């Protein structure tokens, strides 16, 4: 840990008495239980109040974007699902959708709906993790057990279809790795129904909880202006009243129909912009994703049997050109800027991850708050440090 720097300043204690004092520089991290990875915060304190805060990132950096450049388009998917380990399936989508668009490839309808279903199940997994871990960071132990119980229900069906619990690798350029197993849709429907039925137990521990409200209401307010200035997105932005969701505003996969007239899709927003509003958005958005998963199951049951992928050449080369593909990941906007020179590997693949912007804005949100509120604000920004560092 670097030595604490200090800046002398003059303060007045009583009439006519002046003493020289110093601000305290406090390093939180680089390993802290409330950071969802290896993050360091360099905080300058004026007594019990935060004077300034600088997130120090890079402790988990592994050069993912350079690794993309020396791997072919099939291998990139393996890397792309790892930066946000809670949203692996959503991470894969940005890569394969961009490559398919540059190839002019049309994906079978069954694959489109199956991808949408898996993306929403993965969104539920992501949100349940934060719904359990955030109260834990505030000192409440019980909610995490309820949240993980529900996660296991969804994990079971995801593991059955993909073979992995975290890194699914089920997407392929042109569709999916395999068709859906026999009876799998019934098991998904039962899992979704079970989670929906038990979710009120978790909600009862959070909604209206006096201690949680005291720690979160009016704390860490993020204004819409800061959201736009720092490129904050996802549930955090929508909790500040920024009504943006790519599933509705720039539809991909089957979201155009799901968020269209009569569809179950809706965008959850709040206007307070505080820690409590961010938690409420995450909780309500989990219900929406369960509804979307149900709608996908119903549609897949009506589709005739058929292929779930396209046949690809042994060596897949993407035509020369460039394209930016954005998706609505559980934590916010994920963007992939792909530049191809007609080879089997990308010339450049730039990743815009949601968590980086969500962490960057902490330098604006934390100052002025008490040290006791620091972890409450930090945990409510819903980020994964691997997604920050890439």
Protein backbone atom coordinates (compact mmCIF):
# COMPACT_ATOMS: atom_id res chain seq x y z
CA UNK A 1 0.00 0.00 0.00
CA UNK A 2 1.50 3.42 -0.93
CA UNK A 3 2.25 5.86 1.89
CA UNK A 4 -0.60 8.14 2.77
CA UNK A 5 -0.15 11.61 1.35
CA UNK A 6 -1.36 14.57 3.35
CA UNK A 7 -2.01 18.24 2.72
CA UNK A 8 -1.74 20.59 5.71
CA UNK A 9 -4.61 22.99 6.17
CA UNK A 10 -5.62 25.52 8.80
CA UNK A 11 -8.72 24.83 10.88
CA UNK A 12 -10.17 26.87 13.73
CA UNK A 13 -11.07 25.21 17.03
CA UNK A 14 -12.83 27.70 19.26
CA UNK A 15 -12.36 31.45 19.34
CA UNK A 16 -8.82 32.59 18.67
CA UNK A 17 -7.27 29.11 18.57
CA UNK A 18 -5.83 27.85 15.29
CA UNK A 19 -4.18 24.47 14.82
CA UNK A 20 -2.67 22.83 11.79
CA UNK A 21 -4.52 19.71 10.71
CA UNK A 22 -4.31 17.29 7.81
CA UNK A 23 -6.77 15.41 5.64
CA UNK A 24 -6.57 11.65 5.91
CA UNK A 25 -5.94 9.58 2.78
CA UNK A 26 -7.59 6.18 3.10
CA UNK A 27 -6.99 3.29 0.69
CA UNK A 28 -10.00 1.00 0.45
CA UNK A 29 -8.77 -2.09 -1.33
CA UNK A 30 -7.25 -3.26 -3.53
CA UNK A 31 -8.96 -6.26 -1.95
CA UNK A 32 -12.25 -5.48 -0.24
CA UNK A 33 -15.31 -7.68 0.29
CA UNK A 34 -17.68 -5.07 -1.15
CA UNK A 35 -15.96 -4.54 -4.50
CA UNK A 36 -16.98 -7.65 -6.51
CA UNK A 37 -13.39 -8.12 -7.58
CA UNK A 38 -10.08 -6.35 -7.04
CA UNK A 39 -10.76 -2.62 -6.92
CA UNK A 40 -9.00 0.14 -5.00
CA UNK A 41 -10.54 3.41 -3.90
CA UNK A 42 -8.24 6.25 -2.86
CA UNK A 43 -10.40 8.34 -0.57
CA UNK A 44 -9.48 11.67 1.01
CA UNK A 45 -11.39 12.24 4.26
CA UNK A 46 -12.23 15.46 6.03
CA UNK A 47 -13.09 14.01 9.41
CA UNK A 48 -15.88 11.50 8.78
CA UNK A 49 -16.79 12.98 5.41
CA UNK A 50 -15.40 12.06 1.98
CA UNK A 51 -13.64 15.03 0.39
CA UNK A 52 -12.63 13.23 -2.81
CA UNK A 53 -12.56 9.69 -4.14
CA UNK A 54 -10.60 8.19 -7.02
CA UNK A 55 -11.27 4.64 -8.26
CA UNK A 56 -7.97 2.94 -9.10
CA UNK A 57 -8.58 0.18 -11.63
CA UNK A 58 -6.45 -2.27 -13.57
CA UNK A 59 -5.66 -4.91 -10.96
CA UNK A 60 -7.52 -7.55 -13.00
CA UNK A 61 -6.50 -6.34 -16.46
CA UNK A 62 -5.43 -9.17 -18.77
CA UNK A 63 -5.42 -7.47 -22.17
CA UNK A 64 -8.58 -9.04 -23.55
CA UNK A 65 -8.73 -6.72 -26.57
CA UNK A 66 -5.21 -7.68 -27.68
CA UNK A 67 -6.01 -11.35 -27.14
CA UNK A 68 -9.00 -10.93 -29.47
CA UNK A 69 -6.66 -9.94 -32.30
CA UNK A 70 -4.74 -13.23 -32.35
CA UNK A 71 -7.72 -15.58 -32.16
CA UNK A 72 -10.23 -16.53 -34.81
CA UNK A 73 -13.90 -15.67 -34.53
CA UNK A 74 -14.83 -18.97 -32.91
CA UNK A 75 -12.18 -18.59 -30.22
CA UNK A 76 -13.08 -14.98 -29.41
CA UNK A 77 -16.39 -16.11 -27.93
CA UNK A 78 -14.48 -18.03 -25.26
CA UNK A 79 -12.73 -14.85 -24.13
CA UNK A 80 -15.69 -12.52 -24.51
CA UNK A 81 -17.87 -14.33 -22.00
CA UNK A 82 -15.36 -13.93 -19.16
CA UNK A 83 -14.97 -10.21 -18.45
CA UNK A 84 -18.34 -10.03 -16.67
CA UNK A 85 -18.53 -13.48 -15.12
CA UNK A 86 -22.14 -12.90 -14.02
CA UNK A 87 -23.35 -12.19 -17.57
CA UNK A 88 -21.45 -14.69 -19.69
CA UNK A 89 -24.23 -15.45 -22.16
CA UNK A 90 -24.96 -11.77 -22.74
CA UNK A 91 -21.26 -11.12 -23.34
CA UNK A 92 -21.17 -13.75 -26.08
CA UNK A 93 -24.09 -12.16 -27.90
CA UNK A 94 -22.30 -8.92 -28.78
CA UNK A 95 -19.54 -10.78 -30.60
CA UNK A 96 -21.66 -13.25 -32.56
CA UNK A 97 -24.30 -10.66 -33.52
CA UNK A 98 -21.62 -8.32 -34.87
CA UNK A 99 -19.89 -11.05 -36.87
CA UNK A 100 -23.18 -12.33 -38.26
CA UNK A 101 -24.18 -8.82 -39.34
CA UNK A 102 -20.88 -8.31 -41.19
CA UNK A 103 -21.29 -11.69 -42.86
CA UNK A 104 -24.89 -10.86 -43.83
CA UNK A 105 -25.92 -14.09 -42.15
CA UNK A 106 -29.50 -14.84 -41.14
CA UNK A 107 -29.88 -16.96 -38.01
CA UNK A 108 -32.68 -19.59 -37.79
CA UNK A 109 -35.79 -18.43 -35.93
CA UNK A 110 -35.49 -21.13 -33.28
CA UNK A 111 -31.99 -19.90 -32.45
CA UNK A 112 -33.19 -16.29 -32.20
CA UNK A 113 -35.86 -17.15 -29.63
CA UNK A 114 -33.60 -19.57 -27.75
CA UNK A 115 -30.91 -16.89 -27.52
CA UNK A 116 -33.44 -14.41 -26.17
CA UNK A 117 -34.63 -16.92 -23.57
CA UNK A 118 -31.09 -17.70 -22.41
CA UNK A 119 -30.18 -14.01 -22.29
CA UNK A 120 -33.11 -13.28 -19.97
CA UNK A 121 -32.35 -16.28 -17.74
CA UNK A 122 -28.78 -15.01 -17.50
CA UNK A 123 -30.13 -11.55 -16.59
CA UNK A 124 -32.12 -13.08 -13.73
CA UNK A 125 -28.97 -14.86 -12.48
CA UNK A 126 -27.05 -11.59 -12.55
CA UNK A 127 -29.71 -9.59 -10.71
CA UNK A 128 -30.24 -12.25 -8.04
CA UNK A 129 -26.55 -12.16 -7.23
CA UNK A 130 -26.66 -8.42 -6.50
CA UNK A 131 -30.02 -8.66 -4.72
CA UNK A 132 -28.35 -11.09 -2.31
CA UNK A 133 -24.90 -9.54 -2.03
CA UNK A 134 -25.94 -5.89 -1.64
CA UNK A 135 -27.85 -6.43 1.64
CA UNK A 136 -24.91 -8.54 2.80
CA UNK A 137 -22.63 -5.54 2.29
CA UNK A 138 -24.99 -3.52 4.50
CA UNK A 139 -24.86 -6.15 7.25
CA UNK A 140 -27.92 -8.30 6.43
CA UNK A 141 -26.92 -11.94 6.11
CA UNK A 142 -30.25 -13.69 5.42
CA UNK A 143 -31.17 -12.32 1.94
CA UNK A 144 -28.14 -13.87 0.26
CA UNK A 145 -29.34 -17.37 1.17
CA UNK A 146 -32.73 -16.73 -0.42
CA UNK A 147 -31.12 -15.21 -3.51
CA UNK A 148 -28.72 -18.11 -3.99
CA UNK A 149 -31.53 -20.63 -3.58
CA UNK A 150 -33.34 -19.01 -6.52
CA UNK A 151 -30.12 -18.78 -8.51
CA UNK A 152 -29.67 -22.54 -8.21
CA UNK A 153 -33.06 -23.10 -9.86
CA UNK A 154 -32.00 -21.11 -12.93
CA UNK A 155 -28.42 -22.38 -12.85
CA UNK A 156 -29.68 -25.94 -13.13
CA UNK A 157 -31.43 -25.40 -16.47
CA UNK A 158 -28.57 -23.26 -17.81
CA UNK A 159 -26.05 -25.92 -16.83
CA UNK A 160 -28.17 -28.63 -18.43
CA UNK A 161 -28.24 -26.96 -21.83
CA UNK A 162 -24.70 -25.54 -21.94
CA UNK A 163 -22.67 -27.77 -19.64
CA UNK A 164 -21.19 -24.82 -17.74
CA UNK A 165 -22.33 -22.95 -14.65
CA UNK A 166 -20.67 -19.62 -15.46
CA UNK A 167 -19.02 -19.66 -18.89
CA UNK A 168 -21.65 -21.15 -21.12
CA UNK A 169 -20.02 -21.03 -24.56
CA UNK A 170 -23.36 -21.99 -26.09
CA UNK A 171 -23.46 -19.24 -28.73
CA UNK A 172 -21.88 -19.84 -32.10
CA UNK A 173 -21.53 -17.59 -35.12
CA UNK A 174 -24.69 -18.53 -37.02
CA UNK A 175 -26.75 -19.72 -34.06
CA UNK A 176 -26.30 -22.07 -31.12
CA UNK A 177 -24.04 -25.01 -30.34
CA UNK A 178 -26.85 -27.58 -30.06
CA UNK A 179 -30.61 -27.88 -30.20
CA UNK A 180 -32.65 -27.69 -27.01
CA UNK A 181 -32.76 -31.00 -25.09
CA UNK A 182 -36.03 -32.92 -24.98
CA UNK A 183 -38.23 -31.68 -22.16
CA UNK A 184 -35.93 -28.75 -21.42
CA UNK A 185 -38.58 -26.10 -22.05
CA UNK A 186 -40.85 -27.74 -19.47
CA UNK A 187 -38.06 -27.67 -16.92
CA UNK A 188 -37.38 -24.01 -17.69
CA UNK A 189 -41.06 -23.17 -17.24
CA UNK A 190 -41.13 -24.93 -13.86
CA UNK A 191 -37.93 -23.18 -12.75
CA UNK A 192 -39.23 -19.74 -13.77
CA UNK A 193 -42.58 -20.38 -12.10
CA UNK A 194 -40.85 -21.56 -8.92
CA UNK A 195 -38.55 -18.54 -8.73
CA UNK A 196 -41.44 -16.17 -9.37
CA UNK A 197 -43.48 -17.83 -6.63
CA UNK A 198 -40.71 -17.62 -4.03
CA UNK A 199 -39.37 -14.18 -4.95
CA UNK A 200 -41.80 -12.44 -2.53
CA UNK A 201 -39.90 -14.13 0.33
CA UNK A 202 -36.75 -12.27 -0.71
CA UNK A 203 -38.70 -9.08 -1.34
CA UNK A 204 -40.20 -9.21 2.16
CA UNK A 205 -36.67 -8.94 3.58
CA UNK A 206 -35.85 -5.88 1.46
CA UNK A 207 -38.96 -3.85 0.65
CA UNK A 208 -39.99 -1.70 3.59
CA UNK A 209 -37.04 -2.81 5.71
CA UNK A 210 -36.42 0.15 8.04
CA UNK A 211 -32.69 -0.45 8.43
CA UNK A 212 -32.12 -0.90 4.69
CA UNK A 213 -34.12 2.25 3.94
CA UNK A 214 -32.17 4.25 6.51
CA UNK A 215 -28.90 3.15 4.87
CA UNK A 216 -30.00 3.73 1.26
CA UNK A 217 -32.79 6.32 0.93
CA UNK A 218 -31.40 9.68 -0.16
CA UNK A 219 -27.86 8.28 -0.15
CA UNK A 220 -25.61 8.31 -3.22
CA UNK A 221 -27.94 10.33 -5.42
CA UNK A 222 -26.88 10.20 -9.08
CA UNK A 223 -28.36 12.93 -11.26
CA UNK A 224 -29.46 12.36 -14.89
CA UNK A 225 -26.83 14.93 -15.94
CA UNK A 226 -24.05 12.82 -14.43
CA UNK A 227 -25.52 9.70 -16.00
CA UNK A 228 -25.20 11.28 -19.45
CA UNK A 229 -21.82 12.86 -18.76
CA UNK A 230 -20.21 9.59 -17.63
CA UNK A 231 -22.06 7.20 -19.95
CA UNK A 232 -23.67 5.32 -17.08
CA UNK A 233 -26.25 2.83 -18.32
CA UNK A 234 -28.44 -0.10 -17.32
CA UNK A 235 -30.38 -0.30 -14.05
CA UNK A 236 -28.27 2.48 -12.48
CA UNK A 237 -29.17 4.97 -15.20
CA UNK A 238 -32.83 3.98 -15.18
CA UNK A 239 -32.97 4.47 -11.40
CA UNK A 240 -32.06 8.12 -12.09
CA UNK A 241 -34.93 8.53 -14.54
CA UNK A 242 -32.92 7.95 -17.75
CA UNK A 243 -35.39 5.89 -19.77
CA UNK A 244 -33.02 3.94 -22.01
CA UNK A 245 -33.10 0.23 -22.79
CA UNK A 246 -31.70 -1.14 -26.06
CA UNK A 247 -34.11 -4.07 -25.95
CA UNK A 248 -36.88 -1.56 -26.64
CA UNK A 249 -35.02 1.35 -28.26
CA UNK A 250 -32.75 -0.57 -30.66
CA UNK A 251 -34.22 -4.09 -30.67
CA UNK A 252 -32.14 -7.15 -31.47
CA UNK A 253 -32.90 -10.88 -31.25
CA UNK A 254 -36.66 -11.22 -30.52
CA UNK A 255 -36.93 -8.09 -28.36
CA UNK A 256 -38.73 -6.09 -31.03
CA UNK A 257 -41.75 -8.35 -30.61
CA UNK A 258 -41.41 -8.77 -26.85
CA UNK A 259 -41.24 -5.02 -26.22
CA UNK A 260 -43.79 -4.20 -28.92
CA UNK A 261 -47.45 -3.55 -28.45
CA UNK A 262 -49.04 -6.25 -26.32
CA UNK A 263 -45.68 -7.80 -25.38
CA UNK A 264 -44.60 -8.48 -21.79
CA UNK A 265 -41.51 -6.28 -22.05
CA UNK A 266 -41.41 -2.97 -20.19
CA UNK A 267 -38.64 -0.65 -19.04
CA UNK A 268 -38.39 -0.18 -15.26
CA UNK A 269 -37.44 3.33 -14.09
CA UNK A 270 -37.28 5.39 -10.92
CA UNK A 271 -36.56 9.08 -10.44
CA UNK A 272 -34.88 9.33 -7.01
CA UNK A 273 -31.49 8.16 -8.27
CA UNK A 274 -30.36 6.97 -4.83
CA UNK A 275 -29.15 3.59 -3.56
CA UNK A 276 -32.70 2.49 -2.74
CA UNK A 277 -33.98 3.36 -6.22
CA UNK A 278 -31.20 1.32 -7.81
CA UNK A 279 -32.12 -1.69 -5.68
CA UNK A 280 -35.83 -1.28 -6.51
CA UNK A 281 -35.11 -1.17 -10.25
CA UNK A 282 -33.07 -4.35 -10.02
CA UNK A 283 -35.81 -6.12 -8.08
CA UNK A 284 -38.63 -5.13 -10.45
CA UNK A 285 -36.51 -5.83 -13.50
CA UNK A 286 -36.06 -9.41 -12.29
CA UNK A 287 -39.83 -9.86 -12.51
CA UNK A 288 -39.83 -8.46 -16.05
CA UNK A 289 -37.09 -10.87 -17.14
CA UNK A 290 -39.05 -13.81 -15.74
CA UNK A 291 -42.08 -12.66 -17.78
CA UNK A 292 -39.91 -12.38 -20.91
CA UNK A 293 -38.54 -15.88 -20.31
CA UNK A 294 -42.08 -17.24 -20.09
CA UNK A 295 -43.01 -15.57 -23.37
CA UNK A 296 -39.92 -17.07 -25.07
CA UNK A 297 -40.79 -20.56 -23.80
CA UNK A 298 -44.33 -20.19 -25.16
CA UNK A 299 -43.06 -19.10 -28.57
CA UNK A 300 -40.46 -21.86 -28.80
CA UNK A 301 -43.17 -24.44 -28.14
CA UNK A 302 -45.07 -23.21 -31.21
CA UNK A 303 -42.07 -23.34 -33.57
CA UNK A 304 -41.63 -26.36 -35.79
CA UNK A 305 -38.48 -28.47 -35.33
CA UNK A 306 -35.61 -27.17 -37.37
CA UNK A 307 -31.96 -26.10 -37.36
CA UNK A 308 -30.52 -23.83 -34.67
CA UNK A 309 -27.38 -22.82 -36.55
CA UNK A 310 -25.89 -22.23 -39.98
CA UNK A 311 -23.18 -24.34 -41.55
CA UNK A 312 -19.89 -22.47 -41.50
CA UNK A 313 -16.73 -22.92 -43.57
CA UNK A 314 -13.77 -24.55 -41.91
CA UNK A 315 -11.95 -21.20 -41.93
CA UNK A 316 -14.32 -18.35 -41.16
CA UNK A 317 -13.28 -15.00 -42.60
CA UNK A 318 -15.23 -11.79 -42.10
CA UNK A 319 -15.43 -9.35 -45.05
CA UNK A 320 -13.37 -6.18 -44.81
CA UNK A 321 -15.14 -3.38 -42.99
CA UNK A 322 -16.17 -2.27 -39.52
CA UNK A 323 -19.27 -2.39 -37.34
CA UNK A 324 -20.36 -1.35 -33.87
CA UNK A 325 -22.76 -3.72 -32.12
CA UNK A 326 -24.42 -2.78 -28.83
CA UNK A 327 -26.47 -4.99 -26.53
CA UNK A 328 -28.38 -4.39 -23.28
CA UNK A 329 -26.37 -6.45 -20.83
CA UNK A 330 -27.62 -6.98 -17.26
CA UNK A 331 -25.26 -4.25 -15.98
CA UNK A 332 -25.78 -1.82 -18.85
CA UNK A 333 -24.70 -1.21 -22.44
CA UNK A 334 -22.07 -3.52 -23.91
CA UNK A 335 -20.53 -2.39 -27.17
CA UNK A 336 -18.26 -4.24 -29.58
CA UNK A 337 -16.49 -2.27 -32.30
CA UNK A 338 -15.20 -4.80 -34.81
CA UNK A 339 -12.75 -3.87 -37.58
CA UNK A 340 -11.97 -6.57 -40.14
CA UNK A 341 -9.42 -6.68 -42.94
CA UNK A 342 -10.86 -9.82 -44.42
CA UNK A 343 -8.82 -12.24 -42.32
CA UNK A 344 -9.84 -15.04 -39.97
CA UNK A 345 -8.93 -12.86 -36.97
CA UNK A 346 -10.19 -9.33 -36.26
CA UNK A 347 -7.81 -6.47 -36.96
CA UNK A 348 -9.34 -4.70 -33.96
CA UNK A 349 -12.14 -5.54 -31.53
CA UNK A 350 -12.81 -2.81 -29.01
CA UNK A 351 -14.99 -3.69 -26.01
CA UNK A 352 -17.09 -1.03 -24.31
CA UNK A 353 -18.07 -2.59 -21.00
CA UNK A 354 -20.88 -1.26 -18.81
CA UNK A 355 -19.08 -1.56 -15.48
CA UNK A 356 -16.24 0.83 -16.38
CA UNK A 357 -18.58 3.83 -16.65
CA UNK A 358 -20.57 2.73 -13.60
CA UNK A 359 -17.36 2.82 -11.54
CA UNK A 360 -15.93 6.00 -13.07
CA UNK A 361 -18.86 8.07 -11.81
CA UNK A 362 -17.99 7.19 -8.18
CA UNK A 363 -15.53 10.10 -8.16
CA UNK A 364 -18.55 12.41 -8.51
CA UNK A 365 -21.01 10.55 -6.29
CA UNK A 366 -18.93 9.75 -3.18
CA UNK A 367 -17.63 13.22 -2.17
CA UNK A 368 -19.74 14.83 0.54
CA UNK A 369 -20.95 11.54 1.99
CA UNK A 370 -19.95 9.98 5.27
CA UNK A 371 -17.47 7.11 5.40
CA UNK A 372 -20.29 4.95 6.80
CA UNK A 373 -22.22 5.43 3.54
CA UNK A 374 -19.29 4.61 1.27
CA UNK A 375 -19.88 0.86 1.02
CA UNK A 376 -23.65 1.39 0.65
CA UNK A 377 -23.02 3.57 -2.41
CA UNK A 378 -20.26 1.37 -3.79
CA UNK A 379 -22.40 -1.78 -3.64
CA UNK A 380 -25.39 -0.09 -5.29
CA UNK A 381 -23.45 0.72 -8.46
CA UNK A 382 -23.73 -2.96 -9.52
CA UNK A 383 -20.44 -3.64 -11.27
CA UNK A 384 -18.04 -6.52 -11.79
CA UNK A 385 -14.37 -5.53 -11.65
CA UNK A 386 -13.42 -7.96 -14.41
CA UNK A 387 -15.87 -6.04 -16.60
CA UNK A 388 -14.08 -2.79 -15.65
CA UNK A 389 -10.56 -4.03 -16.33
CA UNK A 390 -11.16 -6.46 -19.21
